[in-house]
C-alpha atoms as a PDB file:
ATOM      1  CA  MET A   1      19.039 -18.170  52.836  1.00  0.00           C
ATOM      2  CA  VAL A   2      19.109 -18.230  49.063  1.00  0.00           C
ATOM      3  CA  GLN A   3      21.076 -15.397  47.572  1.00  0.00           C
ATOM      4  CA  LYS A   4      19.660 -13.748  44.481  1.00  0.00           C
ATOM      5  CA  LYS A   5      22.158 -12.728  41.857  1.00  0.00           C
ATOM      6  CA  LEU A   6      21.533  -9.381  40.213  1.00  0.00           C
ATOM      7  CA  VAL A   7      22.234  -9.583  36.506  1.00  0.00           C
ATOM      8  CA  VAL A   8      22.852  -6.272  34.789  1.00  0.00           C
ATOM      9  CA  ALA A   9      22.579  -6.200  31.007  1.00  0.00           C
ATOM     10  CA  SER A  10      25.665  -4.946  29.263  1.00  0.00           C
ATOM     11  CA  LYS A  11      25.600  -2.021  26.863  1.00  0.00           C
ATOM     12  CA  ASP A  12      25.990  -4.413  23.912  1.00  0.00           C
ATOM     13  CA  GLU A  13      23.077  -6.544  25.117  1.00  0.00           C
ATOM     14  CA  THR A  14      20.896  -3.462  25.505  1.00  0.00           C
ATOM     15  CA  LEU A  15      21.753  -2.239  22.014  1.00  0.00           C
ATOM     16  CA  PHE A  16      21.082  -5.711  20.601  1.00  0.00           C
ATOM     17  CA  SER A  17      17.676  -5.807  22.308  1.00  0.00           C
ATOM     18  CA  GLN A  18      16.779  -2.370  20.937  1.00  0.00           C
ATOM     19  CA  GLY A  19      17.981  -3.454  17.485  1.00  0.00           C
ATOM     20  CA  GLU A  20      15.700  -6.479  17.608  1.00  0.00           C
ATOM     21  CA  LYS A  21      12.753  -4.296  18.583  1.00  0.00           C
ATOM     22  CA  LEU A  22      13.548  -1.804  15.825  1.00  0.00           C
ATOM     23  CA  LEU A  23      13.790  -4.546  13.189  1.00  0.00           C
ATOM     24  CA  SER A  24      10.535  -6.125  14.367  1.00  0.00           C
ATOM     25  CA  ALA A  25       8.783  -2.745  14.307  1.00  0.00           C
ATOM     26  CA  PHE A  26      10.178  -1.976  10.851  1.00  0.00           C
ATOM     27  CA  LEU A  27       8.962  -5.304   9.467  1.00  0.00           C
ATOM     28  CA  ASP A  28       5.535  -4.751  10.982  1.00  0.00           C
ATOM     29  CA  ARG A  29       5.299  -1.266   9.441  1.00  0.00           C
ATOM     30  CA  SER A  30       6.509  -2.645   6.116  1.00  0.00           C
ATOM     31  CA  ARG A  31       3.774  -5.277   6.127  1.00  0.00           C
ATOM     32  CA  GLN A  32       1.188  -2.612   6.918  1.00  0.00           C
ATOM     33  CA  ALA A  33       2.449  -0.417   4.058  1.00  0.00           C
ATOM     34  CA  THR A  34       2.291  -3.343   1.617  1.00  0.00           C
ATOM     35  CA  LEU A  35      -1.215  -4.197   2.766  1.00  0.00           C
ATOM     36  CA  GLY A  36      -2.244  -0.553   2.455  1.00  0.00           C
ATOM     37  CA  PHE A  37      -0.999  -0.449  -1.142  1.00  0.00           C
ATOM     38  CA  LEU A  38      -3.017  -3.573  -1.986  1.00  0.00           C
ATOM     39  CA  VAL A  39      -6.112  -2.217  -0.246  1.00  0.00           C
ATOM     40  CA  LYS A  40      -6.071   0.916  -2.429  1.00  0.00           C
ATOM     41  CA  GLY A  41      -6.455  -1.217  -5.556  1.00  0.00           C
ATOM     42  CA  ILE A  42      -9.107  -3.395  -3.950  1.00  0.00           C
ATOM     43  CA  VAL A  43     -11.106  -0.360  -2.827  1.00  0.00           C
ATOM     44  CA  HIS A  44     -11.025   1.129  -6.331  1.00  0.00           C
ATOM     45  CA  ASN A  45     -12.388  -2.098  -7.852  1.00  0.00           C
ATOM     46  CA  LEU A  46     -14.880  -2.553  -5.036  1.00  0.00           C
ATOM     47  CA  ASN A  47     -16.289   0.913  -5.651  1.00  0.00           C
ATOM     48  CA  GLY A  48     -17.092   0.032  -9.274  1.00  0.00           C
ATOM     49  CA  SER A  49     -18.778  -3.222  -8.298  1.00  0.00           C
ATOM     50  CA  LEU A  50     -20.828  -1.498  -5.604  1.00  0.00           C
ATOM     51  CA  GLN A  51     -22.068   1.112  -8.073  1.00  0.00           C
ATOM     52  CA  ILE A  52     -23.280  -1.610 -10.445  1.00  0.00           C
ATOM     53  CA  LEU A  53     -24.905  -3.638  -7.654  1.00  0.00           C
ATOM     54  CA  SER A  54     -26.593  -0.556  -6.270  1.00  0.00           C
ATOM     55  CA  MET A  55     -28.125   0.339  -9.645  1.00  0.00           C
ATOM     56  CA  GLN A  56     -29.318  -3.229 -10.185  1.00  0.00           C
ATOM     57  CA  MET A  57     -30.864  -3.370  -6.728  1.00  0.00           C
ATOM     58  CA  GLU A  58     -32.685  -0.100  -7.336  1.00  0.00           C
ATOM     59  CA  LEU A  59     -34.104  -1.511 -10.585  1.00  0.00           C
ATOM     60  CA  LEU A  60     -35.148  -4.654  -8.757  1.00  0.00           C
ATOM     61  CA  ARG A  61     -36.913  -2.652  -6.058  1.00  0.00           C
ATOM     62  CA  GLU A  62     -38.791  -0.607  -8.666  1.00  0.00           C
ATOM     63  CA  ALA A  63     -39.873  -3.815 -10.426  1.00  0.00           C
ATOM     64  CA  LEU A  64     -41.071  -5.298  -7.133  1.00  0.00           C
ATOM     65  CA  LEU A  65     -43.064  -2.188  -6.320  1.00  0.00           C
ATOM     66  CA  LYS A  66     -44.845  -2.411  -9.663  1.00  0.00           C
ATOM     67  CA  GLU A  67     -45.825  -5.992  -8.842  1.00  0.00           C
ATOM     68  CA  GLU A  68     -46.538  -5.228  -5.207  1.00  0.00           C
ATOM     69  CA  ASP A  69     -49.842  -7.139  -5.139  1.00  0.00           C
ATOM     70  CA  LYS A  70     -48.095 -10.278  -6.440  1.00  0.00           C
ATOM     71  CA  VAL A  71     -44.984 -10.114  -4.275  1.00  0.00           C
ATOM     72  CA  SER A  72     -44.562 -11.124  -0.647  1.00  0.00           C
ATOM     73  CA  PRO A  73     -44.155  -8.037   1.607  1.00  0.00           C
ATOM     74  CA  SER A  74     -41.135  -9.657   3.235  1.00  0.00           C
ATOM     75  CA  LEU A  75     -39.301  -9.583  -0.115  1.00  0.00           C
ATOM     76  CA  ASN A  76     -39.635  -5.806  -0.308  1.00  0.00           C
ATOM     77  CA  VAL A  77     -38.364  -5.545   3.266  1.00  0.00           C
ATOM     78  CA  LYS A  78     -35.335  -7.713   2.517  1.00  0.00           C
ATOM     79  CA  THR A  79     -34.592  -5.697  -0.622  1.00  0.00           C
ATOM     80  CA  GLY A  80     -34.651  -2.517   1.434  1.00  0.00           C
ATOM     81  CA  GLN A  81     -32.287  -4.072   3.976  1.00  0.00           C
ATOM     82  CA  CYS A  82     -29.861  -5.032   1.214  1.00  0.00           C
ATOM     83  CA  LEU A  83     -29.884  -1.494  -0.151  1.00  0.00           C
ATOM     84  CA  ALA A  84     -29.283  -0.068   3.330  1.00  0.00           C
ATOM     85  CA  GLU A  85     -26.257  -2.326   3.840  1.00  0.00           C
ATOM     86  CA  MET A  86     -24.918  -1.375   0.423  1.00  0.00           C
ATOM     87  CA  ASP A  87     -25.223   2.295   1.340  1.00  0.00           C
ATOM     88  CA  LYS A  88     -23.053   1.614   4.401  1.00  0.00           C
ATOM     89  CA  LEU A  89     -20.453  -0.098   2.239  1.00  0.00           C
ATOM     90  CA  LYS A  90     -20.489   2.765  -0.270  1.00  0.00           C
ATOM     91  CA  ALA A  91     -19.968   5.293   2.541  1.00  0.00           C
ATOM     92  CA  LEU A  92     -16.992   3.303   3.876  1.00  0.00           C
ATOM     93  CA  VAL A  93     -15.461   2.979   0.417  1.00  0.00           C
ATOM     94  CA  GLU A  94     -15.846   6.735  -0.146  1.00  0.00           C
ATOM     95  CA  VAL A  95     -13.997   7.449   3.112  1.00  0.00           C
ATOM     96  CA  LEU A  96     -11.181   5.062   2.142  1.00  0.00           C
ATOM     97  CA  MET A  97     -10.862   6.592  -1.334  1.00  0.00           C
ATOM     98  CA  HIS A  98     -10.872  10.118   0.083  1.00  0.00           C
ATOM     99  CA  LYS A  99      -8.170   9.171   2.585  1.00  0.00           C
ATOM    100  CA  ALA A 100      -6.052   7.462  -0.084  1.00  0.00           C
ATOM    101  CA  ILE A 101      -6.249  10.496  -2.391  1.00  0.00           C
ATOM    102  CA  HIS A 102      -5.149  12.908   0.342  1.00  0.00           C
ATOM    103  CA  GLU A 103      -2.376  10.666   1.650  1.00  0.00           C
ATOM    104  CA  ASP A 104      -0.853  10.496  -1.842  1.00  0.00           C
ATOM    105  CA  GLN A 105      -0.487  14.287  -1.905  1.00  0.00           C
ATOM    106  CA  GLU A 106       2.958  15.391  -0.751  1.00  0.00           C
ATOM    107  CA  THR A 107       2.383  19.144  -0.906  1.00  0.00           C
ATOM    108  CA  PRO A 108       0.930  21.075   2.052  1.00  0.00           C
ATOM    109  CA  GLN A 109      -2.801  21.664   1.933  1.00  0.00           C
ATOM    110  CA  ARG A 110      -5.638  22.928   4.094  1.00  0.00           C
ATOM    111  CA  ILE A 111      -6.608  20.235   6.566  1.00  0.00           C
ATOM    112  CA  TYR A 112      -9.891  20.495   8.389  1.00  0.00           C
ATOM    113  CA  LEU A 113      -9.134  18.766  11.658  1.00  0.00           C
ATOM    114  CA  ASN A 114     -12.746  17.944  12.522  1.00  0.00           C
ATOM    115  CA  ASN A 115     -13.230  16.197   9.168  1.00  0.00           C
ATOM    116  CA  LEU A 116      -9.973  14.276   9.518  1.00  0.00           C
ATOM    117  CA  LEU A 117     -10.992  13.052  12.973  1.00  0.00           C
ATOM    118  CA  GLU A 118     -14.408  11.989  11.663  1.00  0.00           C
ATOM    119  CA  GLU A 119     -12.631   9.920   9.000  1.00  0.00           C
ATOM    120  CA  GLU A 120     -10.229   8.335  11.498  1.00  0.00           C
ATOM    121  CA  LEU A 121     -13.091   7.364  13.807  1.00  0.00           C
ATOM    122  CA  SER A 122     -15.310   6.065  11.005  1.00  0.00           C
ATOM    123  CA  LEU A 123     -12.532   3.764   9.797  1.00  0.00           C
ATOM    124  CA  LEU A 124     -12.331   2.232  13.276  1.00  0.00           C
ATOM    125  CA  HIS A 125     -15.802   0.748  12.899  1.00  0.00           C
ATOM    126  CA  HIS A 126     -14.186  -2.363  11.387  1.00  0.00           C
ATOM    127  CA  ASN A 127     -12.745  -2.916  14.882  1.00  0.00           C
ATOM    128  CA  LEU A 128     -15.338  -4.959  16.782  1.00  0.00           C
ATOM    129  CA  PHE A 129     -13.994  -3.780  20.140  1.00  0.00           C
ATOM    130  CA  PHE A 130     -14.402  -0.140  19.120  1.00  0.00           C
ATOM    131  CA  LYS A 131     -17.757  -0.729  17.438  1.00  0.00           C
ATOM    132  CA  HIS A 132     -19.493  -2.703  20.164  1.00  0.00           C
ATOM    133  CA  GLN A 133     -17.773  -1.869  23.455  1.00  0.00           C
ATOM    134  CA  VAL A 134     -16.554   1.721  23.330  1.00  0.00           C
ATOM    135  CA  GLU A 135     -18.806   4.709  23.911  1.00  0.00           C
ATOM    136  CA  VAL A 136     -17.574   7.528  21.674  1.00  0.00           C
ATOM    137  CA  VAL A 137     -18.258  11.162  22.517  1.00  0.00           C
ATOM    138  CA  LYS A 138     -17.304  13.844  19.983  1.00  0.00           C
ATOM    139  CA  SER A 139     -17.159  17.533  20.834  1.00  0.00           C
ATOM    140  CA  PHE A 140     -15.837  19.506  17.872  1.00  0.00           C
ATOM    141  CA  TYR A 141     -15.425  23.274  17.749  1.00  0.00           C
ATOM    142  CA  PRO A 142     -17.736  24.305  14.888  1.00  0.00           C
ATOM    143  CA  GLN A 143     -15.572  26.971  13.213  1.00  0.00           C
ATOM    144  CA  LEU A 144     -12.089  25.605  13.659  1.00  0.00           C
ATOM    145  CA  PRO A 145      -9.439  27.225  11.436  1.00  0.00           C
ATOM    146  CA  PRO A 146      -7.900  24.705   9.014  1.00  0.00           C
ATOM    147  CA  LEU A 147      -4.407  23.419   9.651  1.00  0.00           C
ATOM    148  CA  ARG A 148      -1.813  23.610   6.910  1.00  0.00           C
ATOM    149  CA  GLY A 149       0.368  20.625   6.199  1.00  0.00           C
ATOM    150  CA  CYS A 150       0.564  17.208   4.573  1.00  0.00           C
ATOM    151  CA  TYR A 151      -2.559  15.201   5.248  1.00  0.00           C
ATOM    152  CA  ARG A 152      -0.679  11.960   5.841  1.00  0.00           C
ATOM    153  CA  ASP A 153       1.569  13.649   8.426  1.00  0.00           C
ATOM    154  CA  ILE A 154      -1.348  14.943  10.481  1.00  0.00           C
ATOM    155  CA  SER A 155      -3.199  11.643  10.120  1.00  0.00           C
ATOM    156  CA  GLN A 156      -0.133   9.585  11.032  1.00  0.00           C
ATOM    157  CA  GLY A 157       0.572  11.856  13.985  1.00  0.00           C
ATOM    158  CA  LEU A 158      -2.913  11.730  15.500  1.00  0.00           C
ATOM    159  CA  SER A 159      -3.872   8.124  14.802  1.00  0.00           C
ATOM    160  CA  PRO A 160      -1.543   6.636  17.484  1.00  0.00           C
ATOM    161  CA  LEU A 161      -3.141   8.834  20.150  1.00  0.00           C
ATOM    162  CA  ILE A 162      -6.556   7.350  19.391  1.00  0.00           C
ATOM    163  CA  GLN A 163      -5.135   3.829  19.166  1.00  0.00           C
ATOM    164  CA  ASN A 164      -3.317   4.188  22.498  1.00  0.00           C
ATOM    165  CA  ALA A 165      -6.541   5.352  24.154  1.00  0.00           C
ATOM    166  CA  LEU A 166      -8.420   2.305  22.857  1.00  0.00           C
ATOM    167  CA  GLU A 167      -5.685  -0.110  23.928  1.00  0.00           C
ATOM    168  CA  ALA A 168      -5.653   1.420  27.421  1.00  0.00           C
ATOM    169  CA  MET A 169      -9.340   0.509  27.843  1.00  0.00           C
ATOM    170  CA  GLY A 170      -8.937  -3.113  26.792  1.00  0.00           C
ATOM    171  CA  THR A 171      -9.559  -4.574  30.252  1.00  0.00           C
ATOM    172  CA  THR A 172     -11.401  -1.757  32.014  1.00  0.00           C
ATOM    173  CA  PRO A 173     -15.135  -2.119  32.755  1.00  0.00           C
ATOM    174  CA  ASN A 174     -15.965   1.425  31.652  1.00  0.00           C
ATOM    175  CA  LYS A 175     -14.903   2.228  28.095  1.00  0.00           C
ATOM    176  CA  LYS A 176     -15.479   5.816  27.016  1.00  0.00           C
ATOM    177  CA  LEU A 177     -13.522   7.730  24.399  1.00  0.00           C
ATOM    178  CA  VAL A 178     -13.920  11.502  24.269  1.00  0.00           C
ATOM    179  CA  VAL A 179     -12.473  13.334  21.257  1.00  0.00           C
ATOM    180  CA  SER A 180     -12.725  17.123  21.293  1.00  0.00           C
ATOM    181  CA  THR A 181     -11.340  20.138  19.477  1.00  0.00           C
ATOM    182  CA  SER A 182     -11.264  23.741  20.617  1.00  0.00           C
ATOM    183  CA  LEU A 183      -9.750  27.127  19.899  1.00  0.00           C
ATOM    184  CA  ARG A 184      -7.633  28.464  22.757  1.00  0.00           C
ATOM    185  CA  GLU A 185      -6.059  31.894  22.371  1.00  0.00           C
ATOM    186  CA  LYS A 186      -3.553  31.392  19.554  1.00  0.00           C
ATOM    187  CA  GLN A 187      -3.775  27.607  19.368  1.00  0.00           C
ATOM    188  CA  VAL A 188      -5.954  24.875  17.919  1.00  0.00           C
ATOM    189  CA  GLN A 189      -6.326  22.172  20.562  1.00  0.00           C
ATOM    190  CA  LEU A 190      -7.181  18.502  20.136  1.00  0.00           C
ATOM    191  CA  SER A 191      -7.851  16.392  23.232  1.00  0.00           C
ATOM    192  CA  ILE A 192      -8.309  12.623  23.433  1.00  0.00           C
ATOM    193  CA  GLN A 193      -9.564  11.253  26.737  1.00  0.00           C
ATOM    194  CA  ASP A 194     -10.032   7.633  27.734  1.00  0.00           C
ATOM    195  CA  THR A 195     -11.230   5.748  30.793  1.00  0.00           C
ATOM    196  CA  GLY A 196      -8.381   3.278  30.686  1.00  0.00           C
ATOM    197  CA  CYS A 197      -5.727   2.025  33.074  1.00  0.00           C
ATOM    198  CA  GLY A 198      -3.729   5.247  33.160  1.00  0.00           C
ATOM    199  CA  ILE A 199      -0.003   5.780  32.634  1.00  0.00           C
ATOM    200  CA  SER A 200       2.403   3.973  34.907  1.00  0.00           C
ATOM    201  CA  PRO A 201       4.621   6.454  36.828  1.00  0.00           C
ATOM    202  CA  GLU A 202       7.653   4.312  36.001  1.00  0.00           C
ATOM    203  CA  ILE A 203       7.420   5.010  32.277  1.00  0.00           C
ATOM    204  CA  GLU A 204       6.416   8.688  32.413  1.00  0.00           C
ATOM    205  CA  PRO A 205       9.995  10.030  32.066  1.00  0.00           C
ATOM    206  CA  ASP A 206      10.431   8.022  28.842  1.00  0.00           C
ATOM    207  CA  LEU A 207       6.873   8.374  27.558  1.00  0.00           C
ATOM    208  CA  PHE A 208       7.764   9.864  24.156  1.00  0.00           C
ATOM    209  CA  LYS A 209      10.869   7.754  23.637  1.00  0.00           C
ATOM    210  CA  PRO A 210      10.848   4.748  21.260  1.00  0.00           C
ATOM    211  CA  PHE A 211       9.925   1.343  22.707  1.00  0.00           C
ATOM    212  CA  CYS A 212       8.356   2.870  25.806  1.00  0.00           C
ATOM    213  CA  THR A 213       5.285   0.801  26.667  1.00  0.00           C
ATOM    214  CA  ASN A 214       3.724  -1.036  29.580  1.00  0.00           C
ATOM    215  CA  LYS A 215       1.514  -3.137  27.294  1.00  0.00           C
ATOM    216  CA  ARG A 216       2.220  -6.766  26.595  1.00  0.00           C
ATOM    217  CA  GLY A 217       1.924  -8.559  23.294  1.00  0.00           C
ATOM    218  CA  LYS A 218       2.612  -6.946  19.942  1.00  0.00           C
ATOM    219  CA  HIS A 219       3.061  -3.376  21.140  1.00  0.00           C
ATOM    220  CA  PHE A 220       6.329  -1.720  20.157  1.00  0.00           C
ATOM    221  CA  GLY A 221       5.884   1.506  22.079  1.00  0.00           C
ATOM    222  CA  LEU A 222       6.406   3.688  19.009  1.00  0.00           C
ATOM    223  CA  GLY A 223       3.050   5.501  18.865  1.00  0.00           C
ATOM    224  CA  LEU A 224       3.839   8.572  20.954  1.00  0.00           C
ATOM    225  CA  PHE A 225       7.358   8.755  19.546  1.00  0.00           C
ATOM    226  CA  ILE A 226       5.972   8.828  15.987  1.00  0.00           C
ATOM    227  CA  SER A 227       3.323  11.408  16.932  1.00  0.00           C
ATOM    228  CA  ARG A 228       5.930  13.768  18.348  1.00  0.00           C
ATOM    229  CA  GLU A 229       8.398  13.285  15.495  1.00  0.00           C
ATOM    230  CA  VAL A 230       5.756  13.838  12.809  1.00  0.00           C
ATOM    231  CA  LEU A 231       3.848  16.743  14.378  1.00  0.00           C
ATOM    232  CA  THR A 232       6.652  18.739  16.040  1.00  0.00           C
ATOM    233  CA  PRO A 233       7.827  20.194  12.672  1.00  0.00           C
ATOM    234  CA  TYR A 234       4.354  21.775  12.432  1.00  0.00           C
ATOM    235  CA  GLY A 235       4.944  23.557  15.723  1.00  0.00           C
ATOM    236  CA  ALA A 236       2.749  21.128  17.655  1.00  0.00           C
ATOM    237  CA  SER A 237       3.219  20.657  21.386  1.00  0.00           C
ATOM    238  CA  PHE A 238       1.856  17.979  23.708  1.00  0.00           C
ATOM    239  CA  SER A 239       0.488  17.708  27.205  1.00  0.00           C
ATOM    240  CA  TYR A 240      -1.123  14.932  29.198  1.00  0.00           C
ATOM    241  CA  ALA A 241      -2.797  14.248  32.506  1.00  0.00           C
ATOM    242  CA  SER A 242      -3.317  10.733  33.806  1.00  0.00           C
ATOM    243  CA  ARG A 243      -4.675   8.797  36.746  1.00  0.00           C
ATOM    244  CA  PRO A 244      -6.241   5.332  36.960  1.00  0.00           C
ATOM    245  CA  GLY A 245      -9.533   5.500  35.097  1.00  0.00           C
ATOM    246  CA  GLU A 246      -8.830   8.685  33.132  1.00  0.00           C
ATOM    247  CA  THR A 247      -6.083   9.843  30.795  1.00  0.00           C
ATOM    248  CA  THR A 248      -6.137  12.865  28.510  1.00  0.00           C
ATOM    249  CA  PHE A 249      -3.623  13.635  25.782  1.00  0.00           C
ATOM    250  CA  SER A 250      -3.749  17.059  24.138  1.00  0.00           C
ATOM    251  CA  VAL A 251      -2.044  18.383  21.022  1.00  0.00           C
ATOM    252  CA  PHE A 252      -1.700  22.115  20.393  1.00  0.00           C
ATOM    253  CA  PHE A 253      -1.172  23.587  16.922  1.00  0.00           C
ATOM    254  CA  PRO A 254      -0.142  27.269  16.707  1.00  0.00           C
ATOM    255  CA  LEU A 255      -2.420  29.422  14.591  1.00  0.00           C
ATOM    256  CA  GLU A 256       0.483  30.538  12.410  1.00  0.00           C
ATOM    257  CA  ASN A 257       0.630  26.960  11.106  1.00  0.00           C
ATOM    258  CA  THR A 258      -3.029  26.884  10.163  1.00  0.00           C
ATOM    259  CA  GLY A 259      -4.487  27.667   6.773  1.00  0.00           C
ATOM    260  CA  THR A 260      -5.730  31.090   7.797  1.00  0.00           C
ATOM    261  CA  ASP A 261      -4.494  34.079   5.850  1.00  0.00           C
END
């Protein structure tokens, strides 16, 4: 019989491993911040170019319509398609510029949660997995009181919840993301439900701790930790329910921390 030796990591080894993870996560976040700074400048320049192209295309379409009897019908169709695609680009650029403006503001402001969620979801359309494989269902309370806080805090706190839901559905046959808001007694509630693999019971006790993850690859397990650290100062609380094929995370904001008078 072959005896198996149980190797227990020492405290120093554990701390070293956590330090490596922390450094790797920090470098990854630093790269993202640098890229984000560059993207802001690119978006600003892209917006100017799109405005010029859009005006020129409109002039071209008007000229083609005046010469309609001399121009192939397919040319008018292609011109219309180009304008439609440019409108999509302009809408995306507007969302990016709006987000950049609000994230630069460090003072508390009124934040309309439904609008913020619409922006977060619209920006995910660059993700081919999200765009082509995930069914998105939105159920937003129509007269939700605005939250009060820094836009980038609320955005940074909620974004990991959406990202975690998408990652959980990576290998599941049914991919459905349900994002809903509601008003419950003295709280504004946001719920994000996915049809993913569920939460492993082994990691539940450490779910909101750093580096807690059951995903492989480049996943640092910081999403829920960041969400809690960023949103708790606003009085937010969390709850979740999970089983294979369905997980729901909910965030509750007290009404006293909304923008209501």
